[in-house]
Structure formats: structure tokens, C-alpha cells
Amino acid sequence: MLCEAPGRPLRLASVPVPLPGPGQALVRVAACAVCRTDLHVVDGDLAPAKPAVIPGHQIVGRVSALGEGVAGLAVGDRVGIPWLGWTCGECRFCRLGRENLCETARFTGWQIDGGYAEFAVADARYCLLLPPDYDDIAAAPLLCAGLIGHRALRMAGEARRLGLYGFGAAAHIVAQVARFQGREVFAFTRPGDAAAQAFARRLGAVWAGGSDEPAPAPLEAAILFAPAGHLVAAALRAVEPGGVVVCAGIHMSDIPSFPYGLLWRERAVRSVANLTRQDGLDFLRLAPRVPVRTHTEAVPLEAANAALDRLRQGRASGALVLVP
């Protein structure tokens, strides 16, 4: 499914099977979860990085061929391919172990063709071996909703009362991890979205309501998965002094001005950028222990446009997963 121009539907196309170069793996795609970042690519919120790109960065598949110089992978291995697809390994951020901030990083499904396809080529360094506890469809949302959600949870520190704004694919995973860690979860959904609120309660939220409602108790931290800038002020109102608001998306609408009093008393706002391979290793060890149970709906690859539209309209519970 090719994205040929922002704002246009993806086009079903036949293209040659790519060949892996040195250090790369060719992966036969079994499943690829749909992510809000895919919407940012397709809708043009992220500037096009190549004339046509195959979106998708929550890829599960099996290695079918290896390029020269690959170590640690074998043909037949089941791997996951995440958003972060390549880093230089040489810049100051890479040398400090902060490869998520690499100055020349490249990303799957944006600068590198992704998983809305039958095959994908990936840098073998960024192919993560997957735990056997999950089938292909269940594993797919772990590759971004899980990984970046978990990084955002770490950025929230030791907060015991945690607010989650936007209860979709990422939040439904983070809520399970947070409950496993003994935290209280407060879920904020689109106003009036009773189904999402009920879903959050089933996953252990102690409270669920609209994002226009006040929190029933002061929060110690909040994570924003909804890409709506006006929610930053709402979250700041909800957190107590010393609390942190974590913005977990790669793109967000502009943040309106707000009075300094909302930030004062050592509240903080911070963003999460991408992920590291260590994030992947850590979370994929943790998920089976929780155990995280992903709520998924399989969708045929050729129905990718319909899946993206459902996500755009907020009509997806859990994660939609494309299956070739």
C-alpha cells in the first residue's frame, strides 16, 4: 500500500520484492499494526521524505534472507521491526546511548519503506527477536504502542496516580503495565466516548471520563497520547505540584498559551522522542511478565485506507492490525 502524496488514499500496488543489502534482513511480513504516526505520514503532518513510501512500523514477520555481515539473526527467526530503523552510531547522542535522538536517524514507514506490504527490508540491528508468548497479530502493537508507551511511562517517574489522555492502542498497553506496577490509572477519553471509558475500566482504570472533566483526585503525572495541544493545559491543571506531563506523540497540534500559574510549583512538561533498542529489549522482557494482553482487530492489508480512517475518526478500540 503506497503513500504517493500527502492527503491522498494509499494505492494498492505490485512492486518488486526488495533485496537485503549489507547488514540488512529481508522479512516476510505476517502482521503490521496501524499507528497514529502512520496517519501523520499519510496526512502530511510529517513532511514527505521520499516520492512514495510504504507506511507501517509495527511489523511482525520472519526473516527470509540476510545480507552480508549480519550477525545474531538467522533465516526463519521471528522479528519485530519498530519505528526507529537506522542510526549512525557515531554522533554525540549515539555515543551517549541516546540513539533515539541520533542527528541522522531514519524511521520505518517514513524514510524507510515499512510494513504495509508482504515484504520489508530492515537494518538487522533494529530487528527485535519477539517472545513466543504472543502470536503475530497480538505482538504487532508491542512494537510502537508498547515500546514508546513504556518509554513514556518511564518518563512519568514513580508517579502512583497516573492520568492517560487518549485511550487507544498505546494507553491500553500502558494501563496494564501501570497496574502491574501498583499505580492507579485515570483514563481521559474523547468527551462522551462511553465505549472507550468502559474499555479503560475493564483494564483496571480506577476512573474514566472525558478529557473535558476534572480529575477526581490530584494526579502525580499524566501522559498525553492524544495529539491535541490543548490537552497540555488540561493535564497541567490535573497534576499536583511537582507533577510531570509527558507528551508521547511525534506530532501534536499547537499548544495554546496558558497562564504561568499552571506550570508553577515545579510542574514540568516533557516530550518523548522515538525509542532505543534497549527500550525494546526491556519492554519485550517485561510484557510477558505482566502479562500484557493486546486487544486487536485483524484487517486485510488492502483495507488499509479504511483502517486509517477509523483511527482518524476515533472508531478503533485497542489496535487495528493489517494482515497481508
C-alpha atoms as a PDB file:
ATOM      1  CA  MET A   1       0.000   0.000   0.000  1.00  0.00           C
ATOM      2  CA  LEU A   2       1.857   3.058  -1.326  1.00  0.00           C
ATOM      3  CA  CYS A   3       1.621   6.595   0.041  1.00  0.00           C
ATOM      4  CA  GLU A   4       2.336   8.630  -3.073  1.00  0.00           C
ATOM      5  CA  ALA A   5       1.288  12.080  -1.830  1.00  0.00           C
ATOM      6  CA  PRO A   6       0.001  13.521   1.455  1.00  0.00           C
ATOM      7  CA  GLY A   7      -3.759  13.620   1.731  1.00  0.00           C
ATOM      8  CA  ARG A   8      -4.348  11.000  -0.950  1.00  0.00           C
ATOM      9  CA  PRO A   9      -5.544   7.444  -0.254  1.00  0.00           C
ATOM     10  CA  LEU A  10      -2.919   4.733  -0.261  1.00  0.00           C
ATOM     11  CA  ARG A  11      -2.699   2.823  -3.529  1.00  0.00           C
ATOM     12  CA  LEU A  12      -2.592  -0.965  -3.732  1.00  0.00           C
ATOM     13  CA  ALA A  13       0.401  -1.748  -5.978  1.00  0.00           C
ATOM     14  CA  SER A  14       2.652  -4.600  -7.053  1.00  0.00           C
ATOM     15  CA  VAL A  15       6.329  -3.760  -6.580  1.00  0.00           C
ATOM     16  CA  PRO A  16       9.455  -5.950  -6.794  1.00  0.00           C
ATOM     17  CA  VAL A  17      10.414  -7.895  -3.666  1.00  0.00           C
ATOM     18  CA  PRO A  18      13.250  -5.817  -2.154  1.00  0.00           C
ATOM     19  CA  LEU A  19      16.718  -7.300  -1.766  1.00  0.00           C
ATOM     20  CA  PRO A  20      18.629  -7.018   1.519  1.00  0.00           C
ATOM     21  CA  GLY A  21      21.916  -5.154   1.322  1.00  0.00           C
ATOM     22  CA  PRO A  22      24.882  -5.485   3.678  1.00  0.00           C
ATOM     23  CA  GLY A  23      23.717  -5.522   7.287  1.00  0.00           C
ATOM     24  CA  GLN A  24      20.069  -5.895   6.328  1.00  0.00           C
ATOM     25  CA  ALA A  25      17.359  -8.534   6.685  1.00  0.00           C
ATOM     26  CA  LEU A  26      14.503  -9.303   4.311  1.00  0.00           C
ATOM     27  CA  VAL A  27      11.378 -10.026   6.356  1.00  0.00           C
ATOM     28  CA  ARG A  28       8.176 -11.649   5.124  1.00  0.00           C
ATOM     29  CA  VAL A  29       5.503  -9.608   6.879  1.00  0.00           C
ATOM     30  CA  ALA A  30       2.918 -11.512   8.911  1.00  0.00           C
ATOM     31  CA  ALA A  31       1.244  -8.514  10.568  1.00  0.00           C
ATOM     32  CA  CYS A  32       1.641  -4.748  10.869  1.00  0.00           C
ATOM     33  CA  ALA A  33      -0.286  -2.742  13.441  1.00  0.00           C
ATOM     34  CA  VAL A  34      -1.719   0.622  12.437  1.00  0.00           C
ATOM     35  CA  CYS A  35      -0.363   3.604  14.388  1.00  0.00           C
ATOM     36  CA  ARG A  36      -1.381   7.233  14.693  1.00  0.00           C
ATOM     37  CA  THR A  37       2.061   8.137  13.360  1.00  0.00           C
ATOM     38  CA  ASP A  38       1.054   6.396  10.127  1.00  0.00           C
ATOM     39  CA  LEU A  39      -1.761   8.949   9.946  1.00  0.00           C
ATOM     40  CA  HIS A  40       0.768  11.763  10.372  1.00  0.00           C
ATOM     41  CA  VAL A  41       2.734  10.348   7.409  1.00  0.00           C
ATOM     42  CA  VAL A  42      -0.329   9.810   5.216  1.00  0.00           C
ATOM     43  CA  ASP A  43      -1.978  13.130   6.113  1.00  0.00           C
ATOM     44  CA  GLY A  44       1.234  15.125   5.642  1.00  0.00           C
ATOM     45  CA  ASP A  45       1.725  16.230   9.256  1.00  0.00           C
ATOM     46  CA  LEU A  46       5.227  14.790   8.759  1.00  0.00           C
ATOM     47  CA  ALA A  47       6.818  16.193   5.615  1.00  0.00           C
ATOM     48  CA  PRO A  48       7.243  13.561   2.867  1.00  0.00           C
ATOM     49  CA  ALA A  49      10.725  12.069   2.999  1.00  0.00           C
ATOM     50  CA  LYS A  50      10.683  10.276  -0.380  1.00  0.00           C
ATOM     51  CA  PRO A  51       8.495  10.350  -3.521  1.00  0.00           C
ATOM     52  CA  ALA A  52       6.480   7.306  -2.441  1.00  0.00           C
ATOM     53  CA  VAL A  53       6.719   5.350   0.775  1.00  0.00           C
ATOM     54  CA  ILE A  54       5.186   2.178   2.169  1.00  0.00           C
ATOM     55  CA  PRO A  55       3.942   3.134   5.674  1.00  0.00           C
ATOM     56  CA  GLY A  56       3.950   0.935   8.755  1.00  0.00           C
ATOM     57  CA  HIS A  57       6.380   0.472  11.637  1.00  0.00           C
ATOM     58  CA  GLN A  58       4.839  -2.107  13.970  1.00  0.00           C
ATOM     59  CA  ILE A  59       5.941  -5.050  11.870  1.00  0.00           C
ATOM     60  CA  VAL A  60       5.995  -8.728  12.788  1.00  0.00           C
ATOM     61  CA  GLY A  61       7.442 -11.243  10.378  1.00  0.00           C
ATOM     62  CA  ARG A  62      10.026 -13.892   9.690  1.00  0.00           C
ATOM     63  CA  VAL A  63      13.480 -13.445   8.269  1.00  0.00           C
ATOM     64  CA  SER A  64      13.558 -14.880   4.738  1.00  0.00           C
ATOM     65  CA  ALA A  65      17.022 -13.666   3.621  1.00  0.00           C
ATOM     66  CA  LEU A  66      20.048 -11.900   5.073  1.00  0.00           C
ATOM     67  CA  GLY A  67      22.545  -9.510   3.554  1.00  0.00           C
ATOM     68  CA  GLU A  68      26.280  -9.725   4.069  1.00  0.00           C
ATOM     69  CA  GLY A  69      27.705  -9.146   7.515  1.00  0.00           C
ATOM     70  CA  VAL A  70      24.597  -9.838   9.589  1.00  0.00           C
ATOM     71  CA  ALA A  71      25.233 -11.411  12.993  1.00  0.00           C
ATOM     72  CA  GLY A  72      22.693 -12.509  15.582  1.00  0.00           C
ATOM     73  CA  LEU A  73      19.867 -13.345  13.162  1.00  0.00           C
ATOM     74  CA  ALA A  74      19.078 -16.447  11.126  1.00  0.00           C
ATOM     75  CA  VAL A  75      16.652 -17.210   8.335  1.00  0.00           C
ATOM     76  CA  GLY A  76      13.355 -18.232   9.942  1.00  0.00           C
ATOM     77  CA  ASP A  77      13.715 -16.041  13.051  1.00  0.00           C
ATOM     78  CA  ARG A  78      10.555 -14.187  14.054  1.00  0.00           C
ATOM     79  CA  VAL A  79      11.327 -10.497  14.497  1.00  0.00           C
ATOM     80  CA  GLY A  80       9.678  -7.181  15.126  1.00  0.00           C
ATOM     81  CA  ILE A  81      10.624  -4.031  13.226  1.00  0.00           C
ATOM     82  CA  PRO A  82       9.938  -0.771  15.113  1.00  0.00           C
ATOM     83  CA  TRP A  83       9.763   2.946  14.243  1.00  0.00           C
ATOM     84  CA  LEU A  84      13.472   3.635  14.743  1.00  0.00           C
ATOM     85  CA  GLY A  85      15.010   1.990  11.695  1.00  0.00           C
ATOM     86  CA  TRP A  86      18.607   3.249  11.467  1.00  0.00           C
ATOM     87  CA  THR A  87      21.092   5.353  13.419  1.00  0.00           C
ATOM     88  CA  CYS A  88      24.643   6.436  12.631  1.00  0.00           C
ATOM     89  CA  GLY A  89      26.248   5.090  15.817  1.00  0.00           C
ATOM     90  CA  GLU A  90      28.765   7.942  15.709  1.00  0.00           C
ATOM     91  CA  CYS A  91      27.076  11.213  16.684  1.00  0.00           C
ATOM     92  CA  ARG A  92      27.220  12.534  20.250  1.00  0.00           C
ATOM     93  CA  PHE A  93      23.759  11.164  21.064  1.00  0.00           C
ATOM     94  CA  CYS A  94      24.556   7.686  19.788  1.00  0.00           C
ATOM     95  CA  ARG A  95      27.814   7.654  21.735  1.00  0.00           C
ATOM     96  CA  LEU A  96      25.920   8.588  24.909  1.00  0.00           C
ATOM     97  CA  GLY A  97      23.452   5.718  24.476  1.00  0.00           C
ATOM     98  CA  ARG A  98      20.684   8.111  23.400  1.00  0.00           C
ATOM     99  CA  GLU A  99      20.262   6.797  19.864  1.00  0.00           C
ATOM    100  CA  ASN A 100      16.620   7.868  19.890  1.00  0.00           C
ATOM    101  CA  LEU A 101      17.992  11.404  19.385  1.00  0.00           C
ATOM    102  CA  CYS A 102      20.503  10.475  16.642  1.00  0.00           C
ATOM    103  CA  GLU A 103      21.105  13.502  14.425  1.00  0.00           C
ATOM    104  CA  THR A 104      20.697  11.486  11.197  1.00  0.00           C
ATOM    105  CA  ALA A 105      18.255   8.781  12.339  1.00  0.00           C
ATOM    106  CA  ARG A 106      15.920   7.226   9.785  1.00  0.00           C
ATOM    107  CA  PHE A 107      12.479   5.887  10.549  1.00  0.00           C
ATOM    108  CA  THR A 108      10.495   2.890   9.326  1.00  0.00           C
ATOM    109  CA  GLY A 109       7.419   3.726   7.292  1.00  0.00           C
ATOM    110  CA  TRP A 110       8.549   7.321   6.722  1.00  0.00           C
ATOM    111  CA  GLN A 111      12.090   7.435   5.339  1.00  0.00           C
ATOM    112  CA  ILE A 112      12.357   3.639   5.030  1.00  0.00           C
ATOM    113  CA  ASP A 113       9.638   1.519   3.396  1.00  0.00           C
ATOM    114  CA  GLY A 114       7.603  -0.175   6.095  1.00  0.00           C
ATOM    115  CA  GLY A 115       5.197  -2.995   6.756  1.00  0.00           C
ATOM    116  CA  TYR A 116       2.047  -2.198   4.766  1.00  0.00           C
ATOM    117  CA  ALA A 117       3.354  -4.837   2.370  1.00  0.00           C
ATOM    118  CA  GLU A 118       4.155  -8.526   2.016  1.00  0.00           C
ATOM    119  CA  PHE A 119       7.911  -7.972   2.446  1.00  0.00           C
ATOM    120  CA  ALA A 120      10.087  -5.376   4.165  1.00  0.00           C
ATOM    121  CA  VAL A 121      13.830  -4.814   4.339  1.00  0.00           C
ATOM    122  CA  ALA A 122      15.244  -3.607   7.651  1.00  0.00           C
ATOM    123  CA  ASP A 123      18.582  -2.869   9.257  1.00  0.00           C
ATOM    124  CA  ALA A 124      19.309  -6.125  11.076  1.00  0.00           C
ATOM    125  CA  ARG A 125      20.493  -4.161  14.135  1.00  0.00           C
ATOM    126  CA  TYR A 126      16.929  -2.926  14.569  1.00  0.00           C
ATOM    127  CA  CYS A 127      15.167  -6.267  14.178  1.00  0.00           C
ATOM    128  CA  LEU A 128      13.991  -7.347  17.631  1.00  0.00           C
ATOM    129  CA  LEU A 129      13.539 -11.023  18.451  1.00  0.00           C
ATOM    130  CA  LEU A 130      10.000 -11.482  19.770  1.00  0.00           C
ATOM    131  CA  PRO A 131       8.893 -13.517  22.810  1.00  0.00           C
ATOM    132  CA  PRO A 132       6.951 -16.700  21.985  1.00  0.00           C
ATOM    133  CA  ASP A 133       4.116 -15.662  24.316  1.00  0.00           C
ATOM    134  CA  TYR A 134       2.359 -13.681  21.572  1.00  0.00           C
ATOM    135  CA  ASP A 135       1.049 -14.698  18.184  1.00  0.00           C
ATOM    136  CA  ASP A 136       1.846 -12.463  15.216  1.00  0.00           C
ATOM    137  CA  ILE A 137      -1.228 -10.249  15.451  1.00  0.00           C
ATOM    138  CA  ALA A 138      -1.025  -9.858  19.229  1.00  0.00           C
ATOM    139  CA  ALA A 139       2.689  -8.996  19.043  1.00  0.00           C
ATOM    140  CA  ALA A 140       2.381  -6.238  16.438  1.00  0.00           C
ATOM    141  CA  PRO A 141       1.113  -3.425  18.738  1.00  0.00           C
ATOM    142  CA  LEU A 142       4.002  -4.060  21.122  1.00  0.00           C
ATOM    143  CA  LEU A 143       6.405  -2.610  18.542  1.00  0.00           C
ATOM    144  CA  CYS A 144       5.309   1.026  18.965  1.00  0.00           C
ATOM    145  CA  ALA A 145       2.200   1.375  21.097  1.00  0.00           C
ATOM    146  CA  GLY A 146       4.030  -0.795  23.625  1.00  0.00           C
ATOM    147  CA  LEU A 147       7.624   0.406  23.234  1.00  0.00           C
ATOM    148  CA  ILE A 148       7.022   4.143  23.082  1.00  0.00           C
ATOM    149  CA  GLY A 149       4.216   3.866  25.618  1.00  0.00           C
ATOM    150  CA  HIS A 150       6.605   2.169  28.005  1.00  0.00           C
ATOM    151  CA  ARG A 151       9.250   4.851  27.438  1.00  0.00           C
ATOM    152  CA  ALA A 152       6.609   7.489  28.223  1.00  0.00           C
ATOM    153  CA  LEU A 153       5.687   5.612  31.401  1.00  0.00           C
ATOM    154  CA  ARG A 154       9.323   5.676  32.490  1.00  0.00           C
ATOM    155  CA  MET A 155       9.397   9.435  31.862  1.00  0.00           C
ATOM    156  CA  ALA A 156       6.480   9.736  34.312  1.00  0.00           C
ATOM    157  CA  GLY A 157       8.812   8.601  37.080  1.00  0.00           C
ATOM    158  CA  GLU A 158       7.440   6.885  40.166  1.00  0.00           C
ATOM    159  CA  ALA A 159       4.008   8.538  39.965  1.00  0.00           C
ATOM    160  CA  ARG A 160       1.366   6.422  41.677  1.00  0.00           C
ATOM    161  CA  ARG A 161      -1.685   8.349  40.417  1.00  0.00           C
ATOM    162  CA  LEU A 162      -1.310   8.416  36.647  1.00  0.00           C
ATOM    163  CA  GLY A 163      -3.560  10.079  34.078  1.00  0.00           C
ATOM    164  CA  LEU A 164      -3.718   8.777  30.495  1.00  0.00           C
ATOM    165  CA  TYR A 165      -5.166  11.196  27.935  1.00  0.00           C
ATOM    166  CA  GLY A 166      -6.391   9.348  24.844  1.00  0.00           C
ATOM    167  CA  PHE A 167      -7.253   5.705  25.466  1.00  0.00           C
ATOM    168  CA  GLY A 168      -6.245   3.870  22.310  1.00  0.00           C
ATOM    169  CA  ALA A 169      -3.601   1.343  21.319  1.00  0.00           C
ATOM    170  CA  ALA A 170      -0.767   2.774  23.428  1.00  0.00           C
ATOM    171  CA  ALA A 171      -2.803   3.628  26.526  1.00  0.00           C
ATOM    172  CA  HIS A 172      -4.442   0.213  26.684  1.00  0.00           C
ATOM    173  CA  ILE A 173      -0.977  -1.351  26.950  1.00  0.00           C
ATOM    174  CA  VAL A 174       0.446   1.260  29.326  1.00  0.00           C
ATOM    175  CA  ALA A 175      -2.562   0.871  31.626  1.00  0.00           C
ATOM    176  CA  GLN A 176      -1.807  -2.825  32.062  1.00  0.00           C
ATOM    177  CA  VAL A 177       1.856  -2.182  32.844  1.00  0.00           C
ATOM    178  CA  ALA A 178       0.985   0.633  35.242  1.00  0.00           C
ATOM    179  CA  ARG A 179      -1.476  -1.558  37.140  1.00  0.00           C
ATOM    180  CA  PHE A 180       1.156  -4.322  37.305  1.00  0.00           C
ATOM    181  CA  GLN A 181       3.472  -1.766  38.919  1.00  0.00           C
ATOM    182  CA  GLY A 182       0.865  -0.872  41.519  1.00  0.00           C
ATOM    183  CA  ARG A 183      -0.160   2.503  40.074  1.00  0.00           C
ATOM    184  CA  GLU A 184      -3.665   3.936  39.927  1.00  0.00           C
ATOM    185  CA  VAL A 185      -4.773   4.725  36.367  1.00  0.00           C
ATOM    186  CA  PHE A 186      -7.157   7.564  35.478  1.00  0.00           C
ATOM    187  CA  ALA A 187      -8.329   7.441  31.849  1.00  0.00           C
ATOM    188  CA  PHE A 188      -9.348  10.557  29.906  1.00  0.00           C
ATOM    189  CA  THR A 189     -11.126   9.917  26.593  1.00  0.00           C
ATOM    190  CA  ARG A 190     -12.886  11.973  23.962  1.00  0.00           C
ATOM    191  CA  PRO A 191     -15.863  13.613  25.670  1.00  0.00           C
ATOM    192  CA  GLY A 192     -18.852  11.312  25.603  1.00  0.00           C
ATOM    193  CA  ASP A 193     -16.929   8.221  24.465  1.00  0.00           C
ATOM    194  CA  ALA A 194     -18.636   5.754  26.790  1.00  0.00           C
ATOM    195  CA  ALA A 195     -17.186   2.729  24.977  1.00  0.00           C
ATOM    196  CA  ALA A 196     -13.595   3.862  25.491  1.00  0.00           C
ATOM    197  CA  GLN A 197     -14.308   4.678  29.122  1.00  0.00           C
ATOM    198  CA  ALA A 198     -15.787   1.222  29.706  1.00  0.00           C
ATOM    199  CA  PHE A 199     -12.767  -0.319  27.955  1.00  0.00           C
ATOM    200  CA  ALA A 200     -10.442   1.568  30.307  1.00  0.00           C
ATOM    201  CA  ARG A 201     -12.334   0.383  33.374  1.00  0.00           C
ATOM    202  CA  ARG A 202     -12.133  -3.213  32.169  1.00  0.00           C
ATOM    203  CA  LEU A 203      -8.367  -2.815  32.030  1.00  0.00           C
ATOM    204  CA  GLY A 204      -8.232  -1.637  35.628  1.00  0.00           C
ATOM    205  CA  ALA A 205      -8.643   2.140  35.498  1.00  0.00           C
ATOM    206  CA  VAL A 206      -9.942   3.424  38.834  1.00  0.00           C
ATOM    207  CA  TRP A 207     -11.717   6.247  36.992  1.00  0.00           C
ATOM    208  CA  ALA A 208     -12.581   7.012  33.371  1.00  0.00           C
ATOM    209  CA  GLY A 209     -14.181  10.128  31.949  1.00  0.00           C
ATOM    210  CA  GLY A 210     -13.986  12.756  29.246  1.00  0.00           C
ATOM    211  CA  SER A 211     -10.898  14.896  28.723  1.00  0.00           C
ATOM    212  CA  ASP A 212     -13.110  17.893  29.494  1.00  0.00           C
ATOM    213  CA  GLU A 213     -13.794  16.588  33.011  1.00  0.00           C
ATOM    214  CA  PRO A 214     -11.655  17.369  36.071  1.00  0.00           C
ATOM    215  CA  ALA A 215      -9.661  14.554  37.606  1.00  0.00           C
ATOM    216  CA  PRO A 216     -11.357  13.179  40.741  1.00  0.00           C
ATOM    217  CA  ALA A 217      -8.040  13.358  42.621  1.00  0.00           C
ATOM    218  CA  PRO A 218      -4.762  15.222  42.065  1.00  0.00           C
ATOM    219  CA  LEU A 219      -2.555  13.297  39.656  1.00  0.00           C
ATOM    220  CA  GLU A 220       1.171  12.822  40.157  1.00  0.00           C
ATOM    221  CA  ALA A 221       1.792  12.528  36.397  1.00  0.00           C
ATOM    222  CA  ALA A 222      -0.100  12.465  33.125  1.00  0.00           C
ATOM    223  CA  ILE A 223       0.768  11.009  29.718  1.00  0.00           C
ATOM    224  CA  LEU A 224      -0.763  12.501  26.573  1.00  0.00           C
ATOM    225  CA  PHE A 225      -1.288  10.025  23.751  1.00  0.00           C
ATOM    226  CA  ALA A 226      -3.913  12.183  22.035  1.00  0.00           C
ATOM    227  CA  PRO A 227      -2.138  14.601  19.631  1.00  0.00           C
ATOM    228  CA  ALA A 228      -4.199  17.572  20.817  1.00  0.00           C
ATOM    229  CA  GLY A 229      -2.142  20.503  22.094  1.00  0.00           C
ATOM    230  CA  HIS A 230      -4.966  21.975  24.187  1.00  0.00           C
ATOM    231  CA  LEU A 231      -4.786  18.930  26.460  1.00  0.00           C
ATOM    232  CA  VAL A 232      -1.393  20.056  27.789  1.00  0.00           C
ATOM    233  CA  ALA A 233      -3.083  22.791  29.824  1.00  0.00           C
ATOM    234  CA  ALA A 234      -5.821  20.383  30.923  1.00  0.00           C
ATOM    235  CA  ALA A 235      -3.205  17.903  32.130  1.00  0.00           C
ATOM    236  CA  LEU A 236      -1.261  20.618  33.954  1.00  0.00           C
ATOM    237  CA  ARG A 237      -4.452  21.544  35.795  1.00  0.00           C
ATOM    238  CA  ALA A 238      -4.868  17.900  36.785  1.00  0.00           C
ATOM    239  CA  VAL A 239      -1.354  17.247  38.148  1.00  0.00           C
ATOM    240  CA  GLU A 240      -0.288  18.279  41.603  1.00  0.00           C
ATOM    241  CA  PRO A 241       2.772  20.469  42.339  1.00  0.00           C
ATOM    242  CA  GLY A 242       5.933  18.684  41.259  1.00  0.00           C
ATOM    243  CA  GLY A 243       3.996  16.599  38.737  1.00  0.00           C
ATOM    244  CA  VAL A 244       5.020  15.926  35.149  1.00  0.00           C
ATOM    245  CA  VAL A 245       3.053  15.965  31.897  1.00  0.00           C
ATOM    246  CA  VAL A 246       4.567  13.656  29.271  1.00  0.00           C
ATOM    247  CA  CYS A 247       3.727  14.245  25.598  1.00  0.00           C
ATOM    248  CA  ALA A 248       4.170  10.855  23.929  1.00  0.00           C
ATOM    249  CA  GLY A 249       3.468  11.561  20.251  1.00  0.00           C
ATOM    250  CA  ILE A 250       5.814  12.511  17.425  1.00  0.00           C
ATOM    251  CA  HIS A 251       3.347  15.193  16.299  1.00  0.00           C
ATOM    252  CA  MET A 252       0.864  17.341  18.173  1.00  0.00           C
ATOM    253  CA  SER A 253      -1.317  20.307  17.274  1.00  0.00           C
ATOM    254  CA  ASP A 254      -0.084  23.650  18.578  1.00  0.00           C
ATOM    255  CA  ILE A 255      -0.213  24.164  22.328  1.00  0.00           C
ATOM    256  CA  PRO A 256      -2.339  27.234  23.144  1.00  0.00           C
ATOM    257  CA  SER A 257      -0.987  29.782  25.590  1.00  0.00           C
ATOM    258  CA  PHE A 258      -1.795  29.176  29.237  1.00  0.00           C
ATOM    259  CA  PRO A 259      -1.108  31.080  32.463  1.00  0.00           C
ATOM    260  CA  TYR A 260       2.243  30.507  34.090  1.00  0.00           C
ATOM    261  CA  GLY A 261       0.391  29.544  37.250  1.00  0.00           C
ATOM    262  CA  LEU A 262      -0.408  26.157  35.687  1.00  0.00           C
ATOM    263  CA  LEU A 263       3.311  25.409  35.365  1.00  0.00           C
ATOM    264  CA  TRP A 264       4.492  26.990  38.590  1.00  0.00           C
ATOM    265  CA  ARG A 265       5.338  24.983  41.700  1.00  0.00           C
ATOM    266  CA  GLU A 266       7.742  22.774  39.768  1.00  0.00           C
ATOM    267  CA  ARG A 267       5.341  21.136  37.397  1.00  0.00           C
ATOM    268  CA  ALA A 268       7.062  20.024  34.180  1.00  0.00           C
ATOM    269  CA  VAL A 269       6.153  19.305  30.570  1.00  0.00           C
ATOM    270  CA  ARG A 270       8.374  16.983  28.535  1.00  0.00           C
ATOM    271  CA  SER A 271       8.256  15.052  25.288  1.00  0.00           C
ATOM    272  CA  VAL A 272       9.193  11.518  24.340  1.00  0.00           C
ATOM    273  CA  ALA A 273      11.168  11.058  21.132  1.00  0.00           C
ATOM    274  CA  ASN A 274      11.233   7.654  19.452  1.00  0.00           C
ATOM    275  CA  LEU A 275      12.789   4.702  21.251  1.00  0.00           C
ATOM    276  CA  THR A 276      16.079   2.883  21.691  1.00  0.00           C
ATOM    277  CA  ARG A 277      16.954  -0.739  21.113  1.00  0.00           C
ATOM    278  CA  GLN A 278      17.367  -1.071  24.868  1.00  0.00           C
ATOM    279  CA  ASP A 279      13.776   0.105  25.293  1.00  0.00           C
ATOM    280  CA  GLY A 280      12.808  -2.756  23.001  1.00  0.00           C
ATOM    281  CA  LEU A 281      14.772  -5.353  24.928  1.00  0.00           C
ATOM    282  CA  ASP A 282      13.458  -4.112  28.279  1.00  0.00           C
ATOM    283  CA  PHE A 283       9.803  -3.970  27.287  1.00  0.00           C
ATOM    284  CA  LEU A 284       9.743  -7.274  25.415  1.00  0.00           C
ATOM    285  CA  ARG A 285      11.079  -8.942  28.569  1.00  0.00           C
ATOM    286  CA  LEU A 286       8.509  -7.178  30.733  1.00  0.00           C
ATOM    287  CA  ALA A 287       5.380  -7.658  28.623  1.00  0.00           C
ATOM    288  CA  PRO A 288       5.024 -11.438  29.194  1.00  0.00           C
ATOM    289  CA  ARG A 289       5.533 -10.959  32.936  1.00  0.00           C
ATOM    290  CA  VAL A 290       2.624  -8.515  33.325  1.00  0.00           C
ATOM    291  CA  PRO A 291       1.221 -10.199  31.189  1.00  0.00           C
ATOM    292  CA  VAL A 292       0.240  -7.562  28.640  1.00  0.00           C
ATOM    293  CA  ARG A 293      -2.762  -8.656  26.604  1.00  0.00           C
ATOM    294  CA  THR A 294      -3.161  -6.641  23.428  1.00  0.00           C
ATOM    295  CA  HIS A 295      -6.691  -6.049  22.177  1.00  0.00           C
ATOM    296  CA  THR A 296      -6.534  -6.301  18.404  1.00  0.00           C
ATOM    297  CA  GLU A 297      -8.658  -6.484  15.285  1.00  0.00           C
ATOM    298  CA  ALA A 298      -7.176  -8.046  12.156  1.00  0.00           C
ATOM    299  CA  VAL A 299      -7.788  -6.131   8.912  1.00  0.00           C
ATOM    300  CA  PRO A 300      -6.783  -7.231   5.389  1.00  0.00           C
ATOM    301  CA  LEU A 301      -3.813  -5.285   4.003  1.00  0.00           C
ATOM    302  CA  GLU A 302      -5.864  -3.963   1.075  1.00  0.00           C
ATOM    303  CA  ALA A 303      -8.279  -2.339   3.582  1.00  0.00           C
ATOM    304  CA  ALA A 304      -5.525  -0.105   4.995  1.00  0.00           C
ATOM    305  CA  ASN A 305      -7.310   3.100   3.958  1.00  0.00           C
ATOM    306  CA  ALA A 306     -10.449   2.084   5.837  1.00  0.00           C
ATOM    307  CA  ALA A 307      -8.364   1.190   8.906  1.00  0.00           C
ATOM    308  CA  LEU A 308      -6.612   4.572   8.823  1.00  0.00           C
ATOM    309  CA  ASP A 309      -9.960   6.316   8.509  1.00  0.00           C
ATOM    310  CA  ARG A 310     -11.312   4.508  11.556  1.00  0.00           C
ATOM    311  CA  LEU A 311      -8.258   5.580  13.544  1.00  0.00           C
ATOM    312  CA  ARG A 312      -8.620   9.148  12.246  1.00  0.00           C
ATOM    313  CA  GLN A 313     -12.235   9.232  13.474  1.00  0.00           C
ATOM    314  CA  GLY A 314     -11.505   7.569  16.814  1.00  0.00           C
ATOM    315  CA  ARG A 315     -13.516   4.448  15.925  1.00  0.00           C
ATOM    316  CA  ALA A 316     -10.908   1.863  16.926  1.00  0.00           C
ATOM    317  CA  SER A 317     -10.772   0.099  20.273  1.00  0.00           C
ATOM    318  CA  GLY A 318      -7.341  -1.321  21.019  1.00  0.00           C
ATOM    319  CA  ALA A 319      -5.189  -1.811  17.910  1.00  0.00           C
ATOM    320  CA  LEU A 320      -6.030  -2.437  14.258  1.00  0.00           C
ATOM    321  CA  VAL A 321      -3.566  -4.849  12.647  1.00  0.00           C
ATOM    322  CA  LEU A 322      -3.054  -5.243   8.891  1.00  0.00           C
ATOM    323  CA  VAL A 323      -2.528  -8.766   7.657  1.00  0.00           C
ATOM    324  CA  PRO A 324      -1.169  -9.455   4.123  1.00  0.00           C
END
